[in-house]
Amino acid sequence: MAAEKSEEIIKNKKEVMWLIVALIGYALSAVVSILDKFILTDEKVSPLRFVFYSTIFVVPLFFLMPWTQLPGSAINWLSAILVGFSFAGGLWTMYLGVRKSEISHIGPLIGGVIPLAVLFLSRIFLHEIISDRQLIAVVLLAFGSLLISSEYTNKKQNWNSAIVWGVLAAIFFAISHVASKFLYNEVGFFSGFVWGRGFTGVFGVLLLCVPAFWKEIFVRHAKHTREKRSLSRTTFVILDKILGVVALILVQYAVFLGSVTVVNALSGAQYAFLLILVGIMSRFFPARFKEEYSRTEIAQEIISVAIISVGLALLL
């Protein structure tokens, strides 16, 4: 009896831990989304250049290889490559979507599609079965995120192309998340993280093999060459990358501890955090960060946050 009770306590602590770790990770991801939008628009950094610097700096992960378990089988190697390359592809397409839309709308679109895609892929490739309560929570969290993004469809901007990039980014991220869970199950969290994210760095290296990409990454236009490099730009990029890495590690560790489907559905909470941050930024820094809201949109966002909150409550 004592042993069974001890196991139950450990299990409950593990369930609470993955939830807390995931929420902290998604809160940081909301901050990263704000910085991404600022860097890509106000600082005029191209999506390709941003992807390069987002991927190349994880190459040093391979220095940790001596302390890792090799993927071993061909399917494990394929999973590691899928983790890295699909994540990089998700970043690229996400940044393209961000350039064409408001982050408070393209972000929730991606966040709403990811858990649905993960639910489908994890059922097929991981044979993951979640409870009815968790399934309802996943649907509510995804629906709440999609509801936030849907209010943008009536605006006459580049939303149609942004939708395409957003859905494509969500599919790439979903593939990466499911492949990550598979790899963690096979070689453990540390080894799986090093090898999977290491291949994200390989993607950045491969970008240098394309002459046209090399020019866009490193060659500036004449007027930009004459401009003095902004200290604030460098600070924002460094802060963005540090927070992004921390958020990624926390979310991936939550995936390792819990259900890949449920953890990704929690991204709905990220966009609830994002709405709050966008409102604060628009209110206090309108000159540098401005997003417009009608009364209808505000009401829709309140409903969306309420739906997300109910979904989150079902996981507690």
Protein backbone atom coordinates (compact mmCIF):
# COMPACT_ATOMS: atom_id res chain seq x y z
CA MET A 1 0.00 0.00 0.00
CA ALA A 2 2.77 2.43 0.93
CA ALA A 3 4.58 1.75 -2.35
CA GLU A 4 1.40 2.28 -4.38
CA LYS A 5 0.67 5.54 -2.55
CA SER A 6 4.24 6.74 -3.16
CA GLU A 7 3.94 5.97 -6.88
CA GLU A 8 0.64 7.86 -7.05
CA ILE A 9 2.20 10.93 -5.39
CA ILE A 10 5.11 10.87 -7.85
CA LYS A 11 2.68 10.55 -10.75
CA ASN A 12 0.60 13.52 -9.53
CA LYS A 13 3.72 15.64 -9.07
CA LYS A 14 4.84 14.78 -12.61
CA GLU A 15 1.45 15.79 -14.04
CA VAL A 16 1.54 19.12 -12.20
CA MET A 17 5.16 19.70 -13.20
CA TRP A 18 4.63 19.37 -16.97
CA LEU A 19 1.68 21.75 -16.78
CA ILE A 20 3.63 24.41 -14.86
CA VAL A 21 6.71 24.03 -17.06
CA ALA A 22 4.61 24.29 -20.23
CA LEU A 23 2.75 27.42 -19.04
CA ILE A 24 6.00 29.18 -18.13
CA GLY A 25 7.43 28.22 -21.51
CA TYR A 26 4.39 29.55 -23.37
CA ALA A 27 4.40 32.79 -21.35
CA LEU A 28 7.99 33.36 -22.46
CA SER A 29 6.99 32.43 -26.03
CA ALA A 30 4.40 35.22 -25.95
CA VAL A 31 7.16 37.70 -25.11
CA VAL A 32 9.30 36.25 -27.92
CA SER A 33 6.41 36.73 -30.37
CA ILE A 34 6.26 40.43 -29.48
CA LEU A 35 10.01 40.79 -30.02
CA ASP A 36 9.82 38.82 -33.29
CA LYS A 37 7.21 41.17 -34.70
CA PHE A 38 9.22 44.21 -33.65
CA ILE A 39 12.45 42.90 -35.19
CA LEU A 40 10.81 41.77 -38.45
CA THR A 41 8.87 44.99 -39.05
CA ASP A 42 10.24 47.98 -37.19
CA GLU A 43 13.87 46.85 -37.50
CA LYS A 44 13.39 45.64 -41.10
CA VAL A 45 15.16 42.30 -40.66
CA SER A 46 14.27 39.86 -43.48
CA PRO A 47 12.65 36.52 -42.55
CA LEU A 48 15.53 34.61 -44.18
CA ARG A 49 18.18 36.47 -42.19
CA PHE A 50 16.14 36.03 -39.02
CA VAL A 51 15.81 32.26 -39.65
CA PHE A 52 19.55 32.02 -40.25
CA TYR A 53 20.43 33.66 -36.94
CA SER A 54 17.69 31.65 -35.19
CA THR A 55 19.22 28.37 -36.36
CA ILE A 56 22.96 28.85 -36.73
CA PHE A 57 23.50 29.60 -33.04
CA VAL A 58 22.32 26.11 -31.99
CA VAL A 59 25.12 24.40 -33.93
CA PRO A 60 27.30 24.33 -30.75
CA LEU A 61 24.84 21.77 -29.34
CA PHE A 62 26.87 19.19 -31.23
CA PHE A 63 29.72 19.82 -28.77
CA LEU A 64 27.55 17.94 -26.27
CA MET A 65 27.61 14.78 -28.43
CA PRO A 66 30.12 12.92 -26.21
CA TRP A 67 27.56 12.98 -23.38
CA THR A 68 24.64 11.82 -25.51
CA GLN A 69 23.29 8.53 -26.72
CA LEU A 70 23.53 8.16 -30.50
CA PRO A 71 20.14 7.91 -32.28
CA GLY A 72 21.22 4.43 -33.41
CA SER A 73 18.58 3.09 -35.80
CA ALA A 74 17.74 4.67 -39.14
CA ILE A 75 14.26 5.67 -37.93
CA ASN A 76 15.80 7.51 -34.99
CA TRP A 77 18.21 9.39 -37.26
CA LEU A 78 15.31 10.28 -39.55
CA SER A 79 13.36 11.53 -36.53
CA ALA A 80 16.28 13.72 -35.43
CA ILE A 81 16.56 15.23 -38.91
CA LEU A 82 12.79 15.79 -39.03
CA VAL A 83 12.87 17.51 -35.63
CA GLY A 84 15.54 19.97 -36.73
CA PHE A 85 14.57 20.66 -40.34
CA SER A 86 10.80 20.86 -39.81
CA PHE A 87 11.29 23.22 -36.86
CA ALA A 88 13.47 25.48 -39.01
CA GLY A 89 10.88 25.32 -41.80
CA GLY A 90 8.22 26.28 -39.28
CA LEU A 91 10.25 29.30 -38.19
CA TRP A 92 10.76 30.45 -41.78
CA THR A 93 7.11 30.18 -42.80
CA MET A 94 5.97 31.69 -39.49
CA TYR A 95 8.21 34.73 -39.99
CA LEU A 96 6.86 35.15 -43.53
CA GLY A 97 3.34 35.12 -42.11
CA VAL A 98 4.25 37.57 -39.35
CA ARG A 99 5.54 40.04 -41.95
CA LYS A 100 2.11 40.02 -43.64
CA SER A 101 -0.13 40.25 -40.59
CA GLU A 102 -0.54 41.32 -36.98
CA ILE A 103 1.20 38.99 -34.54
CA SER A 104 -1.91 38.83 -32.33
CA HIS A 105 -3.72 37.12 -35.24
CA ILE A 106 -1.18 35.04 -37.16
CA GLY A 107 0.19 33.65 -33.89
CA PRO A 108 -3.16 32.25 -32.69
CA LEU A 109 -3.83 30.82 -36.16
CA ILE A 110 -0.62 28.81 -35.92
CA GLY A 111 -1.32 27.94 -32.29
CA GLY A 112 -4.82 26.74 -33.16
CA VAL A 113 -3.77 24.50 -36.04
CA ILE A 114 -0.74 22.93 -34.32
CA PRO A 115 -2.63 20.91 -31.64
CA LEU A 116 -5.10 19.60 -34.22
CA ALA A 117 -2.26 18.52 -36.50
CA VAL A 118 -0.38 17.01 -33.53
CA LEU A 119 -3.53 15.18 -32.40
CA PHE A 120 -3.77 13.57 -35.85
CA LEU A 121 -0.06 12.79 -36.26
CA SER A 122 0.49 11.53 -32.70
CA ARG A 123 -2.46 9.15 -33.00
CA ILE A 124 -0.96 7.67 -36.19
CA PHE A 125 2.77 7.62 -35.43
CA LEU A 126 2.91 7.52 -31.62
CA HIS A 127 -0.35 5.65 -30.99
CA GLU A 128 -1.03 8.24 -28.28
CA ILE A 129 -4.47 8.04 -26.70
CA ILE A 130 -5.73 10.87 -24.50
CA SER A 131 -8.74 10.89 -22.19
CA ASP A 132 -12.11 12.35 -23.19
CA ARG A 133 -11.56 15.23 -20.76
CA GLN A 134 -8.19 16.02 -22.33
CA LEU A 135 -9.66 15.76 -25.82
CA ILE A 136 -12.35 18.32 -24.97
CA ALA A 137 -9.65 20.57 -23.50
CA VAL A 138 -7.54 20.26 -26.67
CA VAL A 139 -10.52 21.16 -28.88
CA LEU A 140 -11.44 24.17 -26.71
CA LEU A 141 -7.87 25.46 -26.58
CA ALA A 142 -7.48 25.10 -30.35
CA PHE A 143 -10.90 26.65 -31.04
CA GLY A 144 -10.15 29.60 -28.76
CA SER A 145 -6.90 30.26 -30.62
CA LEU A 146 -8.57 29.99 -34.04
CA LEU A 147 -11.35 32.32 -32.91
CA ILE A 148 -8.78 35.01 -32.10
CA SER A 149 -7.26 34.76 -35.57
CA SER A 150 -10.61 34.63 -37.42
CA GLU A 151 -11.49 38.22 -36.59
CA TYR A 152 -8.81 39.34 -39.02
CA THR A 153 -10.48 37.91 -42.13
CA ASN A 154 -12.63 40.99 -42.75
CA LYS A 155 -9.65 43.35 -42.92
CA LYS A 156 -8.28 44.31 -46.33
CA GLN A 157 -4.67 43.32 -45.82
CA ASN A 158 -2.46 40.40 -46.86
CA TRP A 159 -4.41 37.94 -44.75
CA ASN A 160 -4.98 35.34 -47.47
CA SER A 161 -1.26 34.76 -48.03
CA ALA A 162 -0.65 35.03 -44.28
CA ILE A 163 -3.14 32.18 -43.72
CA VAL A 164 -1.20 29.96 -46.14
CA TRP A 165 2.12 30.68 -44.42
CA GLY A 166 0.53 30.26 -40.98
CA VAL A 167 -1.05 26.86 -41.73
CA LEU A 168 2.17 25.66 -43.37
CA ALA A 169 4.16 26.78 -40.32
CA ALA A 170 1.75 24.93 -38.03
CA ILE A 171 2.18 21.70 -40.02
CA PHE A 172 5.98 22.01 -39.89
CA PHE A 173 5.90 22.63 -36.12
CA ALA A 174 3.50 19.72 -35.58
CA ILE A 175 5.84 17.35 -37.43
CA SER A 176 8.75 18.60 -35.34
CA HIS A 177 6.86 18.14 -32.05
CA VAL A 178 5.69 14.61 -32.83
CA ALA A 179 9.14 13.59 -34.06
CA SER A 180 10.62 15.09 -30.87
CA LYS A 181 8.33 13.02 -28.65
CA PHE A 182 9.27 9.87 -30.59
CA LEU A 183 12.98 10.67 -30.22
CA TYR A 184 12.64 11.41 -26.48
CA ASN A 185 10.95 8.05 -26.00
CA GLU A 186 13.83 6.31 -27.80
CA VAL A 187 16.97 8.03 -26.45
CA GLY A 188 15.79 10.22 -23.55
CA PHE A 189 15.25 13.96 -23.26
CA PHE A 190 18.86 15.20 -23.20
CA SER A 191 20.11 13.13 -26.14
CA GLY A 192 16.93 13.71 -28.13
CA PHE A 193 17.09 17.46 -27.58
CA VAL A 194 20.78 17.73 -28.53
CA TRP A 195 20.44 15.72 -31.73
CA GLY A 196 17.08 17.08 -32.82
CA ARG A 197 17.88 20.75 -32.22
CA GLY A 198 21.42 20.21 -33.48
CA PHE A 199 19.96 19.46 -36.90
CA THR A 200 18.15 22.80 -36.70
CA GLY A 201 21.65 24.30 -36.67
CA VAL A 202 22.61 22.13 -39.66
CA PHE A 203 19.69 23.74 -41.53
CA GLY A 204 21.24 27.15 -40.85
CA VAL A 205 24.60 25.96 -42.17
CA LEU A 206 22.97 24.61 -45.34
CA LEU A 207 21.50 28.05 -46.03
CA LEU A 208 25.05 29.25 -46.62
CA CYS A 209 25.39 26.76 -49.48
CA VAL A 210 22.91 28.74 -51.59
CA PRO A 211 24.57 31.85 -53.12
CA ALA A 212 21.32 33.80 -53.33
CA PHE A 213 20.65 33.19 -49.62
CA TRP A 214 24.23 34.14 -48.74
CA LYS A 215 23.75 37.53 -50.39
CA GLU A 216 20.45 38.20 -48.61
CA ILE A 217 21.86 37.17 -45.23
CA PHE A 218 25.12 39.11 -45.33
CA VAL A 219 24.97 41.74 -48.09
CA ARG A 220 23.09 44.87 -47.18
CA HIS A 221 21.62 47.46 -49.50
CA ALA A 222 23.66 50.62 -49.90
CA LYS A 223 21.53 52.79 -47.63
CA HIS A 224 21.57 50.17 -44.88
CA THR A 225 25.34 49.91 -45.20
CA ARG A 226 25.65 53.63 -44.53
CA GLU A 227 23.51 53.37 -41.43
CA LYS A 228 25.21 52.88 -38.08
CA ARG A 229 24.32 49.55 -36.49
CA SER A 230 21.73 50.16 -33.81
CA LEU A 231 22.63 49.04 -30.29
CA SER A 232 18.93 48.60 -29.55
CA ARG A 233 18.54 46.27 -32.56
CA THR A 234 21.39 44.06 -31.35
CA THR A 235 19.99 44.07 -27.81
CA PHE A 236 16.52 43.10 -29.02
CA VAL A 237 17.84 40.26 -31.19
CA ILE A 238 20.05 38.85 -28.41
CA LEU A 239 17.22 39.08 -25.84
CA ASP A 240 14.81 37.51 -28.33
CA LYS A 241 17.12 34.55 -29.00
CA ILE A 242 17.88 33.92 -25.31
CA LEU A 243 14.21 33.97 -24.32
CA GLY A 244 13.36 31.84 -27.36
CA VAL A 245 15.86 29.14 -26.35
CA VAL A 246 14.64 29.10 -22.74
CA ALA A 247 11.00 28.87 -23.87
CA LEU A 248 11.85 26.07 -26.31
CA ILE A 249 13.65 24.02 -23.66
CA LEU A 250 10.76 24.41 -21.19
CA VAL A 251 8.08 23.43 -23.72
CA GLN A 252 10.12 20.48 -25.00
CA TYR A 253 10.73 19.26 -21.46
CA ALA A 254 6.98 19.44 -20.87
CA VAL A 255 6.50 17.35 -24.03
CA PHE A 256 8.96 14.81 -22.61
CA LEU A 257 7.06 14.66 -19.30
CA GLY A 258 3.52 14.67 -20.63
CA SER A 259 1.34 14.23 -23.71
CA VAL A 260 2.67 15.89 -26.87
CA THR A 261 -0.93 16.58 -27.95
CA VAL A 262 -2.02 18.22 -24.69
CA VAL A 263 1.19 20.22 -24.25
CA ASN A 264 0.85 21.68 -27.74
CA ALA A 265 -2.81 22.47 -27.12
CA LEU A 266 -1.64 24.60 -24.20
CA SER A 267 -0.22 27.02 -26.77
CA GLY A 268 -3.68 28.55 -26.57
CA ALA A 269 -2.61 29.94 -23.21
CA GLN A 270 0.35 31.55 -24.98
CA TYR A 271 -2.01 33.60 -27.13
CA ALA A 272 -4.06 34.63 -24.14
CA PHE A 273 -0.80 35.98 -22.69
CA LEU A 274 -0.02 37.49 -26.08
CA LEU A 275 -3.31 39.41 -26.24
CA ILE A 276 -2.58 40.96 -22.86
CA LEU A 277 0.95 41.94 -23.91
CA VAL A 278 -0.22 43.37 -27.24
CA GLY A 279 -2.83 45.46 -25.43
CA ILE A 280 -0.18 46.79 -23.03
CA MET A 281 2.30 47.53 -25.84
CA SER A 282 -0.33 49.26 -27.98
CA ARG A 283 -1.43 51.36 -25.02
CA PHE A 284 1.96 52.49 -23.74
CA PHE A 285 4.12 52.30 -26.89
CA PRO A 286 1.75 53.24 -29.76
CA ALA A 287 4.52 54.82 -31.85
CA ARG A 288 6.52 51.58 -32.07
CA PHE A 289 3.86 48.91 -31.62
CA LYS A 290 0.30 49.60 -32.75
CA GLU A 291 -2.50 47.13 -33.46
CA GLU A 292 -6.06 48.26 -34.10
CA TYR A 293 -9.10 46.80 -32.36
CA SER A 294 -12.78 47.42 -32.93
CA ARG A 295 -15.39 46.84 -30.22
CA THR A 296 -16.43 43.65 -32.00
CA GLU A 297 -12.85 42.40 -31.99
CA ILE A 298 -12.43 43.17 -28.30
CA ALA A 299 -15.62 41.24 -27.50
CA GLN A 300 -14.44 38.33 -29.65
CA GLU A 301 -11.07 38.28 -27.93
CA ILE A 302 -12.74 38.23 -24.50
CA ILE A 303 -14.84 35.23 -25.61
CA SER A 304 -11.71 33.55 -27.01
CA VAL A 305 -9.80 34.00 -23.75
CA ALA A 306 -12.81 32.62 -21.83
CA ILE A 307 -12.87 29.50 -24.05
CA ILE A 308 -9.12 29.04 -23.61
CA SER A 309 -9.53 29.43 -19.85
CA VAL A 310 -12.18 26.70 -19.76
CA GLY A 311 -9.92 24.40 -21.78
CA LEU A 312 -7.05 25.12 -19.41
CA ALA A 313 -9.27 24.47 -16.37
CA LEU A 314 -10.11 21.00 -17.72
CA LEU A 315 -6.41 20.12 -17.56
CA LEU A 316 -6.00 21.16 -13.92
